[in-house]
Amino acid sequence: MSVMGFTKAEAKILLCVCLAQFAVSADNITTALLIKDIMMSFQVSIAQGQIVTSSYSVISAPLMIVTGLLGYFFCWKKIFQFGLFLCTAGEFSALFIHDFYPFIGISRLAFGIGAALTLASSVALLTTRIQVKNRMIAFSIWGASVAIISMISPMLLALITSTDWRRSFLFLGFISLTALILSRNLKNITPDRTEKKIDLVAVSLIVSIVGLFLVSVSLAPSLGFLSTAENHSVLDNLTIPTMMLITAIILSFVFFAHDRMKSKLNRNDLYITIIPKSFVNKEMIAGLYILLFLYLIYGGVLFSIVSYISLGTYDIFDSSIAITVFALPMFFVSVLIASKGKDLTISSLNTIGLLILTVSLAMLAWSITRTESIMPIYLGMTSIGIGCGFIASKSNIAVNNSVDASLSEQSSGLQVSARNIGYVIGIALFTSGLTLMTKGQLLDSAFIGSGLSDVAANVKSEFYLALSFMSNNSLHQMMTDFNIPVPTNIDTLNNNARSMALQNALYISSIMCLLSIKAGRMVENKPK
């Protein structure tokens, strides 16, 4: 018996990993969309609320890099199940924890570790338990399903969280539990035992390096609308992330020194290499970059456009439609190419996808300030989804092709880590960029351009820090709070500032896509 060419056993694996993907990705979206309700429930500041939105990626992405090593010692099914157990426990524990830091230290920590184990083992299961002829379409369905999740999650949240934000975590807990129960039917395959050990020093260094990097990146938007930083100076906001980034760089040198020392002492044969030499090749680096870049665009651009719609004069349903017209093309194009376009090379698909993104982002940027109609956004989101679908169709396969077949399981952690790192960087860059560009535009037009030069010269630093990519009502209220005269045309000025900021961000994204084409063409087409 087969479904779409998959055997019954393969269909069960695909169902389980897609359910796990739903639970993990929907949790990420949930914490972002419900952050105001969560903050009000715990009575915490915006800066503390930012910890909630970034905790998943900061915890899980560093661990994902090394979770691929666990397959040398444990059955991937068991790792997958343990990860789902932790995800379930993390979601359900949110129902009973009513203090902020226990919520972070128990619920979010458990979920972050569970997500790292679950996603890495999902890639490994698809790599090792799906036939080669079905593997490409399986990866495509699993990878592109994130877009579908992004589409339906906001709608489900609107229904589930009408009275209490905790209901969403209860719902996601049941999704994780369902995937865990269904995974019991998966076949156990005991790994080949190895006498090698995991180098705990190297693992600790790698996790610390990536963790510090992500924390420094996630703190950078403290200049943006995730955190208004009302009680801190610009220097404070920049110093902490910078110090963390410097520490990460120093630890990187320590890691390579440690690895070199092991080699001189002839101890490399005793330990599993965290980053095998075969991983350091242009095809692997290019493949990981394209995977990271895909989620940078997916996270940053989608986040920016949806924020622009939500903060503007559009209807709430416009955001849902914009996400839908992005998600469906991405999913169907990705699956169609994986199933029908097997002769298309990975490098050509990357090139086509990046060219579509380059043109789509540039056209959307050009139209965003020329009309108030929502139709150009719908058309732009559709074509962006198509471009992402071309790239997503074979991105995971590309990374597996660039390393020895015996190391494809170990590369699973790198693949999901690259996705999460790209997502964090995308949102951080676009959040900070939109806010900084909006600040400059508003100060020029609302104050100096409106004859309020005396006010502009004496604007409090707290007000400047609080200015962001915001709605008209929020700007009105903030100017009133700071006793600043509100110009009669402030709504028009703020709308123009938001449009100009998004336009610049989209043009920059278009240029980034164009410059990434060379990397996309370097990706390996055939397995080694």
Protein backbone atom coordinates (compact mmCIF):
# COMPACT_ATOMS: atom_id res chain seq x y z
CA MET A 1 0.00 0.00 0.00
CA SER A 2 1.34 3.44 -0.87
CA VAL A 3 0.29 7.08 -0.65
CA MET A 4 1.72 9.47 -3.30
CA GLY A 5 4.42 6.88 -3.91
CA PHE A 6 5.27 6.56 -0.21
CA THR A 7 5.07 3.23 1.56
CA LYS A 8 2.80 3.00 4.59
CA ALA A 9 5.83 3.19 6.91
CA GLU A 10 7.18 6.27 5.07
CA ALA A 11 3.77 7.97 5.20
CA LYS A 12 3.73 7.48 8.99
CA ILE A 13 7.17 9.05 9.33
CA LEU A 14 6.15 12.02 7.16
CA LEU A 15 2.95 12.49 9.18
CA CYS A 16 4.84 12.44 12.48
CA VAL A 17 7.58 14.87 11.42
CA CYS A 18 5.04 17.27 9.87
CA LEU A 19 2.99 17.24 13.09
CA ALA A 20 6.19 17.93 15.03
CA GLN A 21 7.01 20.76 12.61
CA PHE A 22 3.53 22.16 13.20
CA ALA A 23 3.94 22.09 17.00
CA VAL A 24 7.37 23.75 16.94
CA SER A 25 6.73 26.39 14.27
CA ALA A 26 3.26 27.27 15.57
CA ASP A 27 4.72 27.77 19.06
CA ASN A 28 7.20 30.27 17.61
CA ILE A 29 4.38 32.17 15.89
CA THR A 30 2.17 31.94 18.98
CA THR A 31 4.66 33.58 21.33
CA ALA A 32 5.19 36.42 18.85
CA LEU A 33 1.50 37.09 18.22
CA LEU A 34 0.44 36.78 21.88
CA ILE A 35 3.38 38.59 23.44
CA LYS A 36 1.25 41.50 24.66
CA ASP A 37 -1.16 39.15 26.44
CA ILE A 38 1.73 37.18 27.94
CA MET A 39 3.39 40.38 29.18
CA MET A 40 0.17 41.62 30.76
CA SER A 41 -0.40 38.26 32.44
CA PHE A 42 3.06 38.24 34.03
CA GLN A 43 3.14 42.03 34.55
CA VAL A 44 6.58 42.38 32.92
CA SER A 45 8.24 45.06 30.81
CA ILE A 46 8.66 45.02 27.04
CA ALA A 47 12.34 44.14 27.45
CA GLN A 48 11.39 41.07 29.51
CA GLY A 49 8.71 40.19 27.00
CA GLN A 50 11.39 40.11 24.32
CA ILE A 51 13.01 37.25 26.23
CA VAL A 52 9.88 35.18 25.57
CA THR A 53 9.90 35.80 21.81
CA SER A 54 13.60 34.99 21.42
CA SER A 55 13.93 32.18 24.00
CA TYR A 56 12.99 29.36 21.62
CA SER A 57 15.62 30.17 19.00
CA VAL A 58 18.29 31.14 21.52
CA ILE A 59 17.87 27.80 23.33
CA SER A 60 17.28 25.44 20.45
CA ALA A 61 19.48 26.72 17.59
CA PRO A 62 22.83 26.23 19.41
CA LEU A 63 21.79 22.76 20.56
CA MET A 64 20.66 21.76 17.05
CA ILE A 65 24.22 22.01 15.78
CA VAL A 66 25.30 19.13 18.04
CA THR A 67 22.10 17.06 18.23
CA GLY A 68 23.11 15.35 14.99
CA LEU A 69 25.86 13.61 17.00
CA LEU A 70 23.31 11.72 19.10
CA GLY A 71 22.49 9.43 16.18
CA TYR A 72 25.85 7.68 16.68
CA PHE A 73 24.68 6.43 20.08
CA PHE A 74 20.87 6.37 20.15
CA CYS A 75 17.99 5.39 17.90
CA TRP A 76 16.61 8.41 16.03
CA LYS A 77 13.07 7.33 16.88
CA LYS A 78 13.90 7.48 20.60
CA ILE A 79 15.53 10.92 20.21
CA PHE A 80 12.47 12.12 18.27
CA GLN A 81 10.13 10.81 20.96
CA PHE A 82 12.13 12.30 23.83
CA GLY A 83 12.11 15.65 22.05
CA LEU A 84 8.33 15.49 21.62
CA PHE A 85 7.96 14.54 25.29
CA LEU A 86 9.90 17.67 26.30
CA CYS A 87 7.86 19.81 23.88
CA THR A 88 4.64 18.44 25.35
CA ALA A 89 5.86 18.99 28.91
CA GLY A 90 6.96 22.55 28.06
CA GLU A 91 3.59 23.45 26.54
CA PHE A 92 1.47 21.89 29.30
CA SER A 93 3.60 23.38 32.08
CA ALA A 94 2.73 26.87 30.75
CA LEU A 95 -0.81 26.24 32.03
CA PHE A 96 0.28 26.03 35.65
CA ILE A 97 3.20 28.48 35.92
CA HIS A 98 2.16 31.99 36.96
CA ASP A 99 5.57 33.57 37.60
CA PHE A 100 7.67 34.95 34.76
CA TYR A 101 11.13 33.48 35.37
CA PRO A 102 9.87 29.95 36.21
CA PHE A 103 7.91 30.22 32.95
CA ILE A 104 11.16 30.93 31.09
CA GLY A 105 13.31 28.48 33.11
CA ILE A 106 10.88 25.56 32.97
CA SER A 107 8.32 25.90 30.17
CA ARG A 108 10.44 27.70 27.56
CA LEU A 109 13.65 25.81 28.41
CA ALA A 110 11.94 22.41 28.16
CA PHE A 111 10.32 23.34 24.88
CA GLY A 112 13.57 24.76 23.44
CA ILE A 113 15.54 21.60 24.22
CA GLY A 114 12.66 19.44 22.95
CA ALA A 115 12.46 21.41 19.70
CA ALA A 116 16.22 21.00 19.12
CA LEU A 117 15.93 17.22 19.52
CA THR A 118 12.69 16.96 17.54
CA LEU A 119 13.70 18.95 14.45
CA ALA A 120 17.19 17.47 14.17
CA SER A 121 15.80 13.94 14.48
CA SER A 122 13.07 14.81 11.93
CA VAL A 123 15.73 15.59 9.31
CA ALA A 124 17.64 12.44 10.27
CA LEU A 125 14.49 10.28 10.00
CA LEU A 126 13.71 11.67 6.57
CA THR A 127 17.33 11.12 5.52
CA THR A 128 17.63 7.54 6.76
CA ARG A 129 14.10 6.10 6.65
CA ILE A 130 12.71 7.43 3.37
CA GLN A 131 13.68 5.82 0.07
CA VAL A 132 15.97 7.86 -2.14
CA LYS A 133 13.29 8.19 -4.83
CA ASN A 134 10.84 9.68 -2.30
CA ARG A 135 13.29 11.65 -0.17
CA MET A 136 13.21 14.86 -2.18
CA ILE A 137 9.44 15.27 -2.11
CA ALA A 138 9.37 14.26 1.59
CA PHE A 139 11.85 17.02 2.46
CA SER A 140 9.92 19.44 0.27
CA ILE A 141 6.61 18.72 2.03
CA TRP A 142 8.25 18.93 5.45
CA GLY A 143 10.19 22.13 4.70
CA ALA A 144 7.44 24.03 2.88
CA SER A 145 4.85 23.07 5.50
CA VAL A 146 6.22 25.96 7.60
CA ALA A 147 4.45 28.32 5.20
CA ILE A 148 1.14 26.52 5.69
CA ILE A 149 1.63 26.66 9.45
CA SER A 150 2.24 30.40 9.24
CA MET A 151 -1.01 30.72 7.32
CA ILE A 152 -3.35 28.78 9.61
CA SER A 153 -1.77 29.54 13.00
CA PRO A 154 -3.09 33.14 13.31
CA MET A 155 -6.59 31.95 12.39
CA LEU A 156 -6.50 29.15 14.96
CA LEU A 157 -5.17 31.54 17.61
CA ALA A 158 -8.08 33.91 17.02
CA LEU A 159 -10.48 31.07 17.80
CA ILE A 160 -8.57 29.40 20.64
CA THR A 161 -7.32 32.38 22.64
CA SER A 162 -10.52 34.43 22.81
CA THR A 163 -10.43 34.39 26.63
CA ASP A 164 -6.99 33.14 27.72
CA TRP A 165 -3.61 33.02 25.92
CA ARG A 166 -2.73 29.79 27.76
CA ARG A 167 -5.28 27.90 25.67
CA SER A 168 -2.95 28.13 22.69
CA PHE A 169 -0.19 26.33 24.59
CA LEU A 170 -2.72 23.69 25.67
CA PHE A 171 -3.66 23.17 22.01
CA LEU A 172 -0.02 22.94 20.89
CA GLY A 173 0.70 20.55 23.75
CA PHE A 174 -1.96 18.21 22.37
CA ILE A 175 -0.41 18.45 18.89
CA SER A 176 2.98 17.42 20.32
CA LEU A 177 1.33 14.65 22.33
CA THR A 178 -0.50 13.37 19.23
CA ALA A 179 2.77 13.22 17.27
CA LEU A 180 4.38 11.41 20.22
CA ILE A 181 1.60 8.80 20.36
CA LEU A 182 1.67 8.22 16.60
CA SER A 183 5.47 7.84 16.66
CA ARG A 184 5.09 4.66 18.71
CA ASN A 185 4.29 2.85 15.46
CA LEU A 186 7.57 3.86 13.84
CA LYS A 187 10.14 1.13 13.49
CA ASN A 188 13.17 1.09 15.78
CA ILE A 189 16.56 0.95 14.08
CA THR A 190 19.50 0.59 16.43
CA PRO A 191 22.51 2.64 15.29
CA ASP A 192 25.89 1.11 14.62
CA ARG A 193 27.72 1.31 17.91
CA THR A 194 30.89 3.36 17.99
CA GLU A 195 33.74 3.36 20.46
CA LYS A 196 34.27 7.07 19.97
CA LYS A 197 33.15 9.65 22.52
CA ILE A 198 31.64 13.10 22.24
CA ASP A 199 34.09 15.88 23.01
CA LEU A 200 32.17 17.71 25.72
CA VAL A 201 34.59 20.66 25.71
CA ALA A 202 34.09 21.23 21.98
CA VAL A 203 30.31 20.79 22.32
CA SER A 204 30.18 23.34 25.16
CA LEU A 205 32.23 25.83 23.14
CA ILE A 206 30.08 25.46 20.00
CA VAL A 207 26.82 25.80 21.94
CA SER A 208 28.17 28.86 23.81
CA ILE A 209 29.42 30.53 20.62
CA VAL A 210 26.15 30.17 18.74
CA GLY A 211 24.09 30.97 21.84
CA LEU A 212 25.99 34.20 22.54
CA PHE A 213 25.73 35.19 18.89
CA LEU A 214 21.95 34.69 18.85
CA VAL A 215 21.47 36.51 22.15
CA SER A 216 23.47 39.47 20.83
CA VAL A 217 21.37 39.49 17.65
CA SER A 218 18.06 39.14 19.48
CA LEU A 219 18.99 41.99 21.82
CA ALA A 220 19.79 44.28 18.89
CA PRO A 221 16.08 44.95 18.18
CA SER A 222 15.95 46.69 21.57
CA LEU A 223 16.36 49.73 19.31
CA GLY A 224 13.16 48.65 17.56
CA PHE A 225 9.51 48.05 18.26
CA LEU A 226 9.98 44.81 20.21
CA SER A 227 11.53 46.85 23.00
CA THR A 228 11.25 50.63 23.34
CA ALA A 229 14.15 50.75 25.83
CA GLU A 230 12.60 53.73 27.61
CA ASN A 231 14.93 53.56 30.60
CA HIS A 232 18.18 52.86 28.78
CA SER A 233 20.54 54.88 26.66
CA VAL A 234 21.62 53.98 23.16
CA LEU A 235 25.06 53.11 24.56
CA ASP A 236 23.52 50.60 26.98
CA ASN A 237 21.53 49.00 24.19
CA LEU A 238 24.60 48.60 21.98
CA THR A 239 27.17 47.67 24.62
CA ILE A 240 25.61 44.44 25.89
CA PRO A 241 25.06 42.84 22.45
CA THR A 242 28.53 43.99 21.34
CA MET A 243 30.22 42.44 24.37
CA MET A 244 28.38 39.17 23.77
CA LEU A 245 29.43 39.17 20.12
CA ILE A 246 33.08 39.82 21.08
CA THR A 247 32.91 36.96 23.60
CA ALA A 248 31.52 34.65 20.89
CA ILE A 249 34.43 35.59 18.58
CA ILE A 250 36.98 34.93 21.35
CA LEU A 251 35.41 31.53 22.09
CA SER A 252 35.62 30.71 18.38
CA PHE A 253 39.40 31.09 18.53
CA VAL A 254 39.44 28.95 21.70
CA PHE A 255 37.43 26.26 19.88
CA PHE A 256 39.84 26.08 16.95
CA ALA A 257 42.83 26.13 19.34
CA HIS A 258 41.28 23.23 21.27
CA ASP A 259 40.69 21.28 18.06
CA ARG A 260 44.26 21.92 16.94
CA MET A 261 45.60 20.77 20.31
CA LYS A 262 43.68 17.50 20.02
CA SER A 263 45.17 16.93 16.60
CA LYS A 264 48.74 17.50 17.87
CA LEU A 265 48.18 15.06 20.73
CA ASN A 266 46.76 12.47 18.30
CA ARG A 267 43.50 12.36 20.25
CA ASN A 268 41.16 13.09 17.34
CA ASP A 269 40.61 9.36 16.78
CA LEU A 270 39.11 9.06 20.27
CA TYR A 271 36.35 11.60 19.70
CA ILE A 272 33.63 12.29 17.16
CA THR A 273 34.61 15.43 15.28
CA ILE A 274 32.07 18.18 15.91
CA ILE A 275 32.70 19.79 12.52
CA PRO A 276 34.20 17.16 10.19
CA LYS A 277 36.68 18.42 7.60
CA SER A 278 34.37 17.25 4.82
CA PHE A 279 31.81 19.78 6.07
CA VAL A 280 34.18 22.62 5.29
CA ASN A 281 33.70 22.76 1.53
CA LYS A 282 32.17 25.38 -0.72
CA GLU A 283 29.13 23.24 -1.59
CA MET A 284 28.27 22.61 2.08
CA ILE A 285 28.80 26.24 3.07
CA ALA A 286 26.81 27.45 0.05
CA GLY A 287 24.00 24.98 0.81
CA LEU A 288 23.78 26.04 4.46
CA TYR A 289 23.91 29.70 3.42
CA ILE A 290 20.99 29.29 0.99
CA LEU A 291 18.99 27.45 3.67
CA LEU A 292 19.78 30.21 6.17
CA PHE A 293 19.05 32.94 3.60
CA LEU A 294 15.70 31.37 2.70
CA TYR A 295 14.54 31.64 6.30
CA LEU A 296 16.07 35.09 6.65
CA ILE A 297 13.81 36.25 3.80
CA TYR A 298 10.91 34.15 5.07
CA GLY A 299 11.22 35.55 8.60
CA GLY A 300 12.29 39.12 7.89
CA VAL A 301 10.24 39.99 4.82
CA LEU A 302 7.07 38.20 5.90
CA PHE A 303 7.32 39.72 9.37
CA SER A 304 7.85 43.22 7.94
CA ILE A 305 5.00 43.10 5.43
CA VAL A 306 2.51 41.64 7.91
CA SER A 307 3.57 44.29 10.45
CA TYR A 308 3.10 47.00 7.81
CA ILE A 309 -0.42 45.76 7.08
CA SER A 310 -1.32 45.36 10.76
CA LEU A 311 -0.08 48.84 11.73
CA GLY A 312 -1.68 50.59 8.78
CA THR A 313 -5.24 51.36 7.73
CA TYR A 314 -5.94 47.90 6.35
CA ASP A 315 -8.50 45.42 7.67
CA ILE A 316 -7.42 42.57 9.97
CA PHE A 317 -8.37 40.05 7.28
CA ASP A 318 -5.84 41.62 4.91
CA SER A 319 -3.00 40.17 7.00
CA SER A 320 -4.51 36.68 6.82
CA ILE A 321 -4.98 36.94 3.05
CA ALA A 322 -1.40 38.23 2.59
CA ILE A 323 -0.03 35.25 4.52
CA THR A 324 -2.27 32.86 2.58
CA VAL A 325 -1.21 34.11 -0.87
CA PHE A 326 2.42 33.68 0.26
CA ALA A 327 2.05 30.28 1.90
CA LEU A 328 0.05 28.38 -0.70
CA PRO A 329 2.31 29.17 -3.70
CA MET A 330 5.42 28.35 -1.65
CA PHE A 331 4.01 24.99 -0.60
CA PHE A 332 2.59 23.88 -3.95
CA VAL A 333 5.56 25.08 -6.03
CA SER A 334 8.00 23.35 -3.69
CA VAL A 335 6.10 20.04 -3.76
CA LEU A 336 5.45 20.24 -7.52
CA ILE A 337 9.12 20.77 -8.34
CA ALA A 338 10.22 18.01 -5.95
CA SER A 339 7.80 15.54 -7.54
CA LYS A 340 7.81 16.57 -11.21
CA GLY A 341 11.06 18.51 -11.63
CA LYS A 342 13.55 15.87 -10.58
CA ASP A 343 15.74 16.62 -13.61
CA LEU A 344 16.16 20.25 -12.61
CA THR A 345 19.50 20.87 -10.92
CA ILE A 346 19.65 22.39 -7.45
CA SER A 347 21.86 25.25 -8.66
CA SER A 348 19.37 26.16 -11.42
CA LEU A 349 16.45 26.07 -8.97
CA ASN A 350 18.33 28.35 -6.58
CA THR A 351 19.13 30.71 -9.43
CA ILE A 352 15.53 30.84 -10.66
CA GLY A 353 14.17 31.26 -7.13
CA LEU A 354 16.59 34.05 -6.24
CA LEU A 355 15.90 35.86 -9.53
CA ILE A 356 12.15 35.70 -8.87
CA LEU A 357 12.73 37.05 -5.35
CA THR A 358 14.99 39.82 -6.67
CA VAL A 359 12.39 41.04 -9.16
CA SER A 360 9.41 40.48 -6.83
CA LEU A 361 10.91 42.39 -3.91
CA ALA A 362 12.03 45.25 -6.18
CA MET A 363 8.57 45.54 -7.81
CA LEU A 364 6.82 45.42 -4.44
CA ALA A 365 9.19 48.09 -3.10
CA TRP A 366 8.49 50.29 -6.15
CA SER A 367 4.70 50.00 -5.75
CA ILE A 368 4.45 50.28 -1.96
CA THR A 369 4.65 54.10 -1.91
CA ARG A 370 2.63 54.67 -5.07
CA THR A 371 -0.75 53.33 -4.06
CA GLU A 372 -2.75 52.58 -0.94
CA SER A 373 -4.35 49.55 -2.56
CA ILE A 374 -3.63 46.18 -0.97
CA MET A 375 -3.50 44.41 -4.36
CA PRO A 376 0.23 45.09 -5.08
CA ILE A 377 1.03 43.52 -1.70
CA TYR A 378 -1.04 40.44 -2.55
CA LEU A 379 0.67 40.10 -5.93
CA GLY A 380 4.10 40.67 -4.37
CA MET A 381 3.50 38.11 -1.62
CA THR A 382 2.34 35.56 -4.21
CA SER A 383 5.48 35.93 -6.32
CA ILE A 384 7.70 35.93 -3.21
CA GLY A 385 6.05 32.66 -2.17
CA ILE A 386 6.78 31.20 -5.62
CA GLY A 387 10.45 32.22 -5.37
CA CYS A 388 10.76 30.70 -1.90
CA GLY A 389 9.09 27.52 -3.21
CA PHE A 390 11.79 27.08 -5.88
CA ILE A 391 14.54 27.38 -3.26
CA ALA A 392 12.80 25.29 -0.58
CA SER A 393 12.16 22.35 -2.93
CA LYS A 394 15.67 20.87 -2.64
CA SER A 395 17.48 22.92 0.02
CA ASN A 396 17.82 20.11 2.56
CA ILE A 397 18.81 17.60 -0.11
CA ALA A 398 21.50 20.03 -1.29
CA VAL A 399 23.17 20.03 2.13
CA ASN A 400 23.05 16.23 2.32
CA ASN A 401 24.55 15.98 -1.18
CA SER A 402 27.53 18.11 -0.19
CA VAL A 403 28.86 15.69 2.46
CA ASP A 404 29.74 12.03 2.59
CA ALA A 405 26.67 9.79 2.85
CA SER A 406 27.94 8.46 6.19
CA LEU A 407 27.75 11.98 7.65
CA SER A 408 24.32 12.96 6.34
CA GLU A 409 22.73 12.27 9.73
CA GLN A 410 25.25 14.51 11.48
CA SER A 411 24.44 17.31 9.04
CA SER A 412 20.80 17.20 10.21
CA GLY A 413 21.56 19.42 13.19
CA LEU A 414 23.34 21.97 11.03
CA GLN A 415 20.40 22.16 8.65
CA VAL A 416 17.74 22.96 11.24
CA SER A 417 20.16 25.25 13.09
CA ALA A 418 20.77 27.23 9.88
CA ARG A 419 17.01 27.64 9.46
CA ASN A 420 16.57 29.01 12.97
CA ILE A 421 19.62 31.26 12.81
CA GLY A 422 18.34 32.71 9.52
CA TYR A 423 14.91 33.30 11.04
CA VAL A 424 16.35 35.12 14.08
CA ILE A 425 18.73 37.23 11.98
CA GLY A 426 15.96 38.09 9.51
CA ILE A 427 13.54 39.37 12.12
CA ALA A 428 16.31 41.19 14.04
CA LEU A 429 17.72 42.93 10.96
CA PHE A 430 14.35 43.95 9.56
CA THR A 431 13.02 45.05 12.95
CA SER A 432 16.01 47.27 13.64
CA GLY A 433 16.21 48.50 10.05
CA LEU A 434 12.54 49.45 9.79
CA THR A 435 12.66 51.24 13.13
CA LEU A 436 15.84 53.21 12.45
CA MET A 437 14.63 54.30 9.02
CA THR A 438 11.24 55.30 10.44
CA LYS A 439 12.89 57.33 13.22
CA GLY A 440 14.90 59.38 10.73
CA GLN A 441 11.94 59.94 8.41
CA LEU A 442 9.63 60.99 11.25
CA LEU A 443 12.14 63.36 12.83
CA ASP A 444 12.77 65.05 9.47
CA SER A 445 9.13 65.32 8.40
CA ALA A 446 7.14 65.56 11.63
CA PHE A 447 9.41 68.00 13.44
CA ILE A 448 11.88 69.86 11.25
CA GLY A 449 9.66 69.69 8.16
CA SER A 450 6.61 70.83 10.11
CA GLY A 451 8.24 73.89 11.62
CA LEU A 452 8.74 72.33 15.04
CA SER A 453 12.51 72.78 14.93
CA ASP A 454 12.66 73.92 18.55
CA VAL A 455 10.92 70.74 19.61
CA ALA A 456 13.20 68.65 17.41
CA ALA A 457 16.27 70.18 19.02
CA ASN A 458 15.00 69.35 22.49
CA VAL A 459 13.40 65.97 21.91
CA LYS A 460 14.14 63.75 24.86
CA SER A 461 16.41 60.80 24.23
CA GLU A 462 13.71 58.54 25.71
CA PHE A 463 11.24 59.74 23.07
CA TYR A 464 13.75 59.12 20.27
CA LEU A 465 14.40 55.60 21.56
CA ALA A 466 10.66 54.94 21.82
CA LEU A 467 10.00 56.06 18.22
CA SER A 468 9.55 53.04 16.01
CA PHE A 469 7.66 51.44 13.15
CA MET A 470 4.31 52.04 14.87
CA SER A 471 0.62 52.71 14.30
CA ASN A 472 -0.80 56.22 14.13
CA ASN A 473 -2.69 55.80 17.41
CA SER A 474 0.46 54.66 19.21
CA LEU A 475 2.40 57.66 17.88
CA HIS A 476 -0.38 60.05 18.94
CA GLN A 477 -0.39 58.63 22.46
CA MET A 478 3.39 58.69 22.77
CA MET A 479 3.69 62.33 21.65
CA THR A 480 0.98 63.27 24.14
CA ASP A 481 2.79 61.42 26.93
CA PHE A 482 5.97 63.37 26.15
CA ASN A 483 4.11 66.71 25.92
CA ILE A 484 5.06 67.19 22.27
CA PRO A 485 2.63 69.11 20.01
CA VAL A 486 0.88 66.76 17.60
CA PRO A 487 0.87 68.13 14.01
CA THR A 488 -2.49 67.92 12.27
CA ASN A 489 -0.96 65.92 9.43
CA ILE A 490 0.91 63.46 11.67
CA ASP A 491 -1.08 60.46 10.38
CA THR A 492 -0.05 61.20 6.80
CA LEU A 493 3.57 61.74 7.87
CA ASN A 494 3.65 58.48 9.84
CA ASN A 495 2.03 56.52 7.00
CA ASN A 496 4.64 57.92 4.60
CA ALA A 497 7.45 57.13 7.04
CA ARG A 498 6.30 53.51 7.37
CA SER A 499 5.96 53.14 3.62
CA MET A 500 9.40 54.62 2.94
CA ALA A 501 11.00 52.40 5.60
CA LEU A 502 9.41 49.26 4.16
CA GLN A 503 10.32 50.32 0.64
CA ASN A 504 13.99 50.73 1.57
CA ALA A 505 13.98 47.39 3.43
CA LEU A 506 12.50 45.62 0.39
CA TYR A 507 15.03 47.21 -1.99
CA ILE A 508 17.86 46.07 0.29
CA SER A 509 16.34 42.56 0.37
CA SER A 510 16.18 42.54 -3.43
CA ILE A 511 19.87 43.43 -3.66
CA MET A 512 20.72 40.71 -1.11
CA CYS A 513 18.87 38.14 -3.23
CA LEU A 514 20.74 39.26 -6.35
CA LEU A 515 24.10 39.00 -4.58
CA SER A 516 23.19 35.52 -3.26
CA ILE A 517 22.74 34.03 -6.74
CA LYS A 518 26.44 33.19 -6.99
CA ALA A 519 26.26 31.18 -3.76
CA GLY A 520 23.10 29.43 -4.99
CA ARG A 521 24.88 28.29 -8.15
CA MET A 522 27.72 26.75 -6.12
CA VAL A 523 25.46 24.15 -4.47
CA GLU A 524 26.23 20.52 -5.30
CA ASN A 525 23.73 18.74 -7.58
CA LYS A 526 24.70 15.11 -7.00
CA PRO A 527 25.43 13.21 -3.80
CA LYS A 528 29.04 12.46 -3.03
